[in-house]
Amino acid sequence: MPDGGQVDYHPLSSNEEQIRTLILHAGKVHEPIRCSLRIVSLVEKPSYDALSYVWGDAVVTKPIQVEGVRFDATVNLERALRHLRDASDDLTLWVDAGE
């Protein structure tokens, strides 16, 4: 996993009522967490599950991969993604730190 890069965030359009969703790619329990970002319009009524994670120490992290770049996620977020991940199907999530 590339280290030290930054995830490229494209700006959202408030006129189009957009949100950024996280695509949690399928994988087995022991495999690294891989994700992609997708901008969707709420006008189109996209299908997604919501995950709010405000618990845990923000300093204690585990690496996941977002858009091919290492992202230091909180341990609890990494665990939640690992638990929610399906072995054969991608999952679309709206993830919020809830702060």
C-alpha atoms as a PDB file:
ATOM      1  CA  MET A   1       0.000   0.000   0.000  1.00  0.00           C
ATOM      2  CA  PRO A   2       1.517   3.348  -0.953  1.00  0.00           C
ATOM      3  CA  ASP A   3       2.549   5.273   2.137  1.00  0.00           C
ATOM      4  CA  GLY A   4       2.448   8.967   2.887  1.00  0.00           C
ATOM      5  CA  GLY A   5       0.070  10.002   0.098  1.00  0.00           C
ATOM      6  CA  GLN A   6      -3.120  11.946   0.455  1.00  0.00           C
ATOM      7  CA  VAL A   7      -6.597  10.900  -0.530  1.00  0.00           C
ATOM      8  CA  ASP A   8      -7.790  13.217  -3.312  1.00  0.00           C
ATOM      9  CA  TYR A   9     -11.075  14.815  -2.177  1.00  0.00           C
ATOM     10  CA  HIS A  10     -13.075  16.399  -4.971  1.00  0.00           C
ATOM     11  CA  PRO A  11     -15.341  19.240  -3.783  1.00  0.00           C
ATOM     12  CA  LEU A  12     -19.031  18.530  -3.277  1.00  0.00           C
ATOM     13  CA  SER A  13     -21.775  20.590  -4.907  1.00  0.00           C
ATOM     14  CA  SER A  14     -24.367  21.915  -2.460  1.00  0.00           C
ATOM     15  CA  ASN A  15     -26.618  22.750  -5.431  1.00  0.00           C
ATOM     16  CA  GLU A  16     -26.765  19.079  -6.378  1.00  0.00           C
ATOM     17  CA  GLU A  17     -27.144  17.888  -2.755  1.00  0.00           C
ATOM     18  CA  GLN A  18     -24.084  15.660  -2.988  1.00  0.00           C
ATOM     19  CA  ILE A  19     -22.488  13.421  -0.401  1.00  0.00           C
ATOM     20  CA  ARG A  20     -19.309  11.377  -0.483  1.00  0.00           C
ATOM     21  CA  THR A  21     -19.778   7.627  -0.033  1.00  0.00           C
ATOM     22  CA  LEU A  22     -17.175   5.024   0.800  1.00  0.00           C
ATOM     23  CA  ILE A  23     -17.184   1.830  -1.236  1.00  0.00           C
ATOM     24  CA  LEU A  24     -15.904  -0.947   1.022  1.00  0.00           C
ATOM     25  CA  HIS A  25     -14.489  -3.527  -1.363  1.00  0.00           C
ATOM     26  CA  ALA A  26     -15.200  -7.191  -0.820  1.00  0.00           C
ATOM     27  CA  GLY A  27     -12.594  -9.250   0.950  1.00  0.00           C
ATOM     28  CA  LYS A  28     -11.886 -11.987   3.430  1.00  0.00           C
ATOM     29  CA  VAL A  29     -11.416 -11.282   7.136  1.00  0.00           C
ATOM     30  CA  HIS A  30      -7.605 -11.496   7.049  1.00  0.00           C
ATOM     31  CA  GLU A  31      -7.199  -9.349   3.903  1.00  0.00           C
ATOM     32  CA  PRO A  32      -6.387  -5.616   4.053  1.00  0.00           C
ATOM     33  CA  ILE A  33      -9.298  -3.152   4.003  1.00  0.00           C
ATOM     34  CA  ARG A  34      -9.601  -1.509   0.567  1.00  0.00           C
ATOM     35  CA  CYS A  35     -12.012   1.337  -0.182  1.00  0.00           C
ATOM     36  CA  SER A  36     -12.914   3.829  -2.888  1.00  0.00           C
ATOM     37  CA  LEU A  37     -14.718   7.148  -2.696  1.00  0.00           C
ATOM     38  CA  ARG A  38     -17.718   8.069  -4.822  1.00  0.00           C
ATOM     39  CA  ILE A  39     -19.664  11.322  -4.986  1.00  0.00           C
ATOM     40  CA  VAL A  40     -23.414  10.791  -5.300  1.00  0.00           C
ATOM     41  CA  SER A  41     -26.419  13.112  -5.447  1.00  0.00           C
ATOM     42  CA  LEU A  42     -29.122  12.683  -2.810  1.00  0.00           C
ATOM     43  CA  VAL A  43     -31.619  13.759  -5.485  1.00  0.00           C
ATOM     44  CA  GLU A  44     -31.018  10.383  -7.157  1.00  0.00           C
ATOM     45  CA  LYS A  45     -31.853   8.567  -3.878  1.00  0.00           C
ATOM     46  CA  PRO A  46     -28.699   6.431  -3.787  1.00  0.00           C
ATOM     47  CA  SER A  47     -28.595   3.250  -1.755  1.00  0.00           C
ATOM     48  CA  TYR A  48     -26.089   3.186   1.114  1.00  0.00           C
ATOM     49  CA  ASP A  49     -25.703   2.199   4.751  1.00  0.00           C
ATOM     50  CA  ALA A  50     -24.647   4.760   7.364  1.00  0.00           C
ATOM     51  CA  LEU A  51     -21.813   4.277   9.834  1.00  0.00           C
ATOM     52  CA  SER A  52     -21.071   6.791  12.570  1.00  0.00           C
ATOM     53  CA  TYR A  53     -17.921   6.305  14.595  1.00  0.00           C
ATOM     54  CA  VAL A  54     -17.212   8.771  17.350  1.00  0.00           C
ATOM     55  CA  TRP A  55     -15.942   6.208  19.837  1.00  0.00           C
ATOM     56  CA  GLY A  56     -12.341   5.366  20.612  1.00  0.00           C
ATOM     57  CA  ASP A  57      -9.024   7.142  20.721  1.00  0.00           C
ATOM     58  CA  ALA A  58      -8.357   9.098  17.508  1.00  0.00           C
ATOM     59  CA  VAL A  59      -4.602   8.732  18.084  1.00  0.00           C
ATOM     60  CA  VAL A  60      -4.682   4.914  17.962  1.00  0.00           C
ATOM     61  CA  THR A  61      -4.941   3.990  14.275  1.00  0.00           C
ATOM     62  CA  LYS A  62      -4.704   1.102  11.836  1.00  0.00           C
ATOM     63  CA  PRO A  63      -3.986   1.539   8.146  1.00  0.00           C
ATOM     64  CA  ILE A  64      -6.638   0.983   5.504  1.00  0.00           C
ATOM     65  CA  GLN A  65      -6.426   1.717   1.794  1.00  0.00           C
ATOM     66  CA  VAL A  66      -8.586   4.484   0.279  1.00  0.00           C
ATOM     67  CA  GLU A  67      -8.194   5.141  -3.446  1.00  0.00           C
ATOM     68  CA  GLY A  68      -4.956   3.151  -3.364  1.00  0.00           C
ATOM     69  CA  VAL A  69      -3.439   5.373  -0.668  1.00  0.00           C
ATOM     70  CA  ARG A  70      -2.708   4.489   2.948  1.00  0.00           C
ATOM     71  CA  PHE A  71      -5.218   6.129   5.304  1.00  0.00           C
ATOM     72  CA  ASP A  72      -4.778   5.913   9.073  1.00  0.00           C
ATOM     73  CA  ALA A  73      -8.250   5.026  10.362  1.00  0.00           C
ATOM     74  CA  THR A  74      -9.111   4.786  14.018  1.00  0.00           C
ATOM     75  CA  VAL A  75      -8.818   1.227  15.319  1.00  0.00           C
ATOM     76  CA  ASN A  76     -12.561   1.140  15.933  1.00  0.00           C
ATOM     77  CA  LEU A  77     -13.390   2.277  12.385  1.00  0.00           C
ATOM     78  CA  GLU A  78     -11.019  -0.337  10.952  1.00  0.00           C
ATOM     79  CA  ARG A  79     -12.687  -3.022  13.100  1.00  0.00           C
ATOM     80  CA  ALA A  80     -16.171  -1.903  12.086  1.00  0.00           C
ATOM     81  CA  LEU A  81     -15.237  -1.970   8.384  1.00  0.00           C
ATOM     82  CA  ARG A  82     -13.671  -5.410   8.807  1.00  0.00           C
ATOM     83  CA  HIS A  83     -16.828  -6.663  10.553  1.00  0.00           C
ATOM     84  CA  LEU A  84     -19.209  -5.147   7.958  1.00  0.00           C
ATOM     85  CA  ARG A  85     -17.218  -6.239   4.905  1.00  0.00           C
ATOM     86  CA  ASP A  86     -18.648  -8.996   2.743  1.00  0.00           C
ATOM     87  CA  ALA A  87     -16.436 -11.672   1.208  1.00  0.00           C
ATOM     88  CA  SER A  88     -17.943 -11.326  -2.263  1.00  0.00           C
ATOM     89  CA  ASP A  89     -19.873  -8.033  -2.602  1.00  0.00           C
ATOM     90  CA  ASP A  90     -18.820  -4.400  -2.239  1.00  0.00           C
ATOM     91  CA  LEU A  91     -20.716  -2.316   0.324  1.00  0.00           C
ATOM     92  CA  THR A  92     -21.586   1.363  -0.074  1.00  0.00           C
ATOM     93  CA  LEU A  93     -21.371   3.378   3.145  1.00  0.00           C
ATOM     94  CA  TRP A  94     -21.788   6.948   4.250  1.00  0.00           C
ATOM     95  CA  VAL A  95     -19.235   7.263   7.057  1.00  0.00           C
ATOM     96  CA  ASP A  96     -19.335  10.122   9.551  1.00  0.00           C
ATOM     97  CA  ALA A  97     -17.074  10.847  12.505  1.00  0.00           C
ATOM     98  CA  GLY A  98     -20.083  12.352  14.273  1.00  0.00           C
ATOM     99  CA  GLU A  99     -18.128  15.207  15.826  1.00  0.00           C
END
